[in-house]
Amino acid sequence: MAADSKASVTWQGDIKTGTGVVSLDSSQAAGPLDVTFPARTGEQEGPTTPEELIAAAHATCYSMSLSGALARSGNAPDKLDTSAVVTFSTDGGPHISKVALSVVGEVPGVDAEAFGQAAAAAKDACPVSKLMAGNVELTLDARLA
């Protein structure tokens, strides 16, 4: 099975003063979303950034991966609260330097050690984590509520 997801952007102007509009074409679940380079460096608030979109994708993908792993072991979670912080750096040229995942789970029948093991395994199994593996520092903070 394979599935394609499509997003597109229309960009106008140069990188520093230009603006873009991102569309989630496949789902049309959000948007159009404004993007700017100054938002990436923290100089402007409001518009989204590629890093925020990556963070949303990673937190979602990781939650799905962990939920699936827990369910397969007989302990489906009641709730997973996951966040991802994607760090954009201009030191040495613009790049994403790290991603910090954090998850708090409510999982009946699972102790902290088992949750930590499942959480670590899910980090490695998540397709977005695999995409980033070897390219950025990837950390995980996992705990039960």
Protein backbone atom coordinates (compact mmCIF):
# COMPACT_ATOMS: atom_id res chain seq x y z
CA MET A 1 0.00 0.00 0.00
CA ALA A 2 1.20 3.50 -0.77
CA ALA A 3 -0.48 6.85 -0.32
CA ASP A 4 0.58 10.29 -1.49
CA SER A 5 -0.01 13.48 0.44
CA LYS A 6 0.32 16.82 -1.28
CA ALA A 7 0.97 20.32 -0.05
CA SER A 8 1.94 23.35 -2.10
CA VAL A 9 3.14 26.89 -1.60
CA THR A 10 3.01 30.09 -3.60
CA TRP A 11 5.96 32.35 -2.72
CA GLN A 12 6.35 36.00 -3.70
CA GLY A 13 9.45 38.11 -3.21
CA ASP A 14 12.88 37.46 -1.82
CA ILE A 15 13.66 35.30 1.21
CA LYS A 16 13.90 38.09 3.79
CA THR A 17 10.88 40.20 2.86
CA GLY A 18 8.84 37.78 0.79
CA THR A 19 5.76 35.89 1.85
CA GLY A 20 4.25 32.55 1.04
CA VAL A 21 0.93 30.80 1.34
CA VAL A 22 0.92 27.06 2.07
CA SER A 23 -2.02 24.86 1.13
CA LEU A 24 -2.70 21.36 2.41
CA ASP A 25 -3.92 20.10 -0.94
CA SER A 26 -4.72 16.47 -0.13
CA SER A 27 -6.87 17.01 2.92
CA GLN A 28 -7.66 20.72 2.84
CA ALA A 29 -7.79 20.28 6.63
CA ALA A 30 -6.19 23.65 7.32
CA GLY A 31 -5.15 26.77 5.58
CA PRO A 32 -4.26 28.49 3.53
CA LEU A 33 -1.37 29.21 5.93
CA ASP A 34 0.89 32.26 5.67
CA VAL A 35 4.67 31.67 5.90
CA THR A 36 7.64 34.03 6.12
CA PHE A 37 11.36 33.71 6.68
CA PRO A 38 11.40 36.19 9.61
CA ALA A 39 8.98 33.87 11.45
CA ARG A 40 11.56 31.07 11.12
CA THR A 41 14.17 33.11 12.97
CA GLY A 42 11.81 34.42 15.65
CA GLU A 43 11.78 37.97 14.27
CA GLN A 44 8.08 37.90 13.44
CA GLU A 45 5.06 36.28 15.08
CA GLY A 46 1.94 35.08 13.35
CA PRO A 47 2.84 33.21 10.19
CA THR A 48 3.68 29.53 10.40
CA THR A 49 7.04 28.08 9.43
CA PRO A 50 8.24 24.90 7.77
CA GLU A 51 9.58 23.89 11.19
CA GLU A 52 6.18 24.26 12.84
CA LEU A 53 4.62 22.14 10.11
CA ILE A 54 7.38 19.52 10.59
CA ALA A 55 6.77 19.61 14.36
CA ALA A 56 3.05 18.99 13.82
CA ALA A 57 3.78 16.12 11.46
CA HIS A 58 6.34 14.56 13.80
CA ALA A 59 4.17 14.81 16.93
CA THR A 60 1.26 13.26 15.05
CA CYS A 61 3.31 10.48 13.45
CA TYR A 62 5.01 9.65 16.75
CA SER A 63 1.68 9.49 18.60
CA MET A 64 0.33 7.08 15.99
CA SER A 65 3.46 4.93 16.24
CA LEU A 66 3.37 4.77 20.04
CA SER A 67 -0.39 4.18 20.15
CA GLY A 68 -0.06 1.30 17.71
CA ALA A 69 2.83 -0.29 19.61
CA LEU A 70 0.99 -0.05 22.93
CA ALA A 71 -2.20 -1.49 21.43
CA ARG A 72 -0.31 -4.41 19.87
CA SER A 73 1.07 -5.26 23.32
CA GLY A 74 -2.47 -5.26 24.75
CA ASN A 75 -2.37 -1.85 26.42
CA ALA A 76 -4.02 0.71 24.17
CA PRO A 77 -3.53 4.19 25.59
CA ASP A 78 -6.41 6.23 26.94
CA LYS A 79 -4.54 9.39 25.96
CA LEU A 80 -1.17 10.53 24.62
CA ASP A 81 -0.23 14.20 24.79
CA THR A 82 2.70 14.66 22.43
CA SER A 83 4.65 17.72 21.40
CA ALA A 84 7.61 18.23 19.12
CA VAL A 85 9.94 21.21 19.17
CA VAL A 86 11.89 21.65 15.94
CA THR A 87 14.90 23.96 16.26
CA PHE A 88 15.90 26.08 13.25
CA SER A 89 19.45 27.44 13.41
CA THR A 90 21.41 29.77 11.17
CA ASP A 91 24.78 28.90 12.75
CA GLY A 92 26.88 27.49 9.94
CA GLY A 93 24.08 28.12 7.45
CA PRO A 94 20.34 27.64 7.83
CA HIS A 95 19.39 24.16 9.02
CA ILE A 96 17.24 22.21 11.42
CA SER A 97 19.55 21.27 14.28
CA LYS A 98 17.33 19.22 16.56
CA VAL A 99 13.91 17.86 17.34
CA ALA A 100 12.73 17.32 20.91
CA LEU A 101 9.78 14.98 21.32
CA SER A 102 7.83 14.92 24.57
CA VAL A 103 4.97 12.57 25.43
CA VAL A 104 2.80 12.15 28.51
CA GLY A 105 0.68 9.05 28.44
CA GLU A 106 -2.32 7.69 30.22
CA VAL A 107 -1.98 3.94 29.66
CA PRO A 108 -3.84 1.52 31.94
CA GLY A 109 -1.82 -1.52 32.95
CA VAL A 110 1.58 -0.10 31.97
CA ASP A 111 4.27 0.99 34.44
CA ALA A 112 6.80 3.78 33.84
CA GLU A 113 9.56 1.43 32.69
CA ALA A 114 7.39 -0.35 30.14
CA PHE A 115 6.04 2.97 28.89
CA GLY A 116 9.58 4.33 28.49
CA GLN A 117 10.62 1.27 26.51
CA ALA A 118 7.58 1.48 24.24
CA ALA A 119 8.11 5.22 23.80
CA ALA A 120 11.76 4.77 22.80
CA ALA A 121 10.91 1.99 20.35
CA ALA A 122 8.14 4.11 18.82
CA LYS A 123 10.61 6.97 18.30
CA ASP A 124 12.76 4.66 16.19
CA ALA A 125 9.74 3.18 14.35
CA CYS A 126 8.00 6.46 13.51
CA PRO A 127 8.38 7.21 9.76
CA VAL A 128 9.08 10.91 10.40
CA SER A 129 11.78 9.97 12.95
CA LYS A 130 13.27 7.63 10.35
CA LEU A 131 13.34 10.50 7.86
CA MET A 132 15.35 12.57 10.34
CA ALA A 133 17.63 9.79 11.63
CA GLY A 134 21.28 10.73 11.28
CA ASN A 135 20.39 14.25 10.15
CA VAL A 136 19.41 16.00 13.38
CA GLU A 137 19.69 15.47 17.12
CA LEU A 138 16.48 13.68 18.13
CA THR A 139 15.55 13.54 21.82
CA LEU A 140 12.61 12.06 23.69
CA ASP A 141 11.10 12.79 27.10
CA ALA A 142 8.43 10.19 27.91
CA ARG A 143 6.46 9.79 31.11
CA LEU A 144 3.15 8.60 32.43
CA ALA A 145 0.62 11.13 33.67
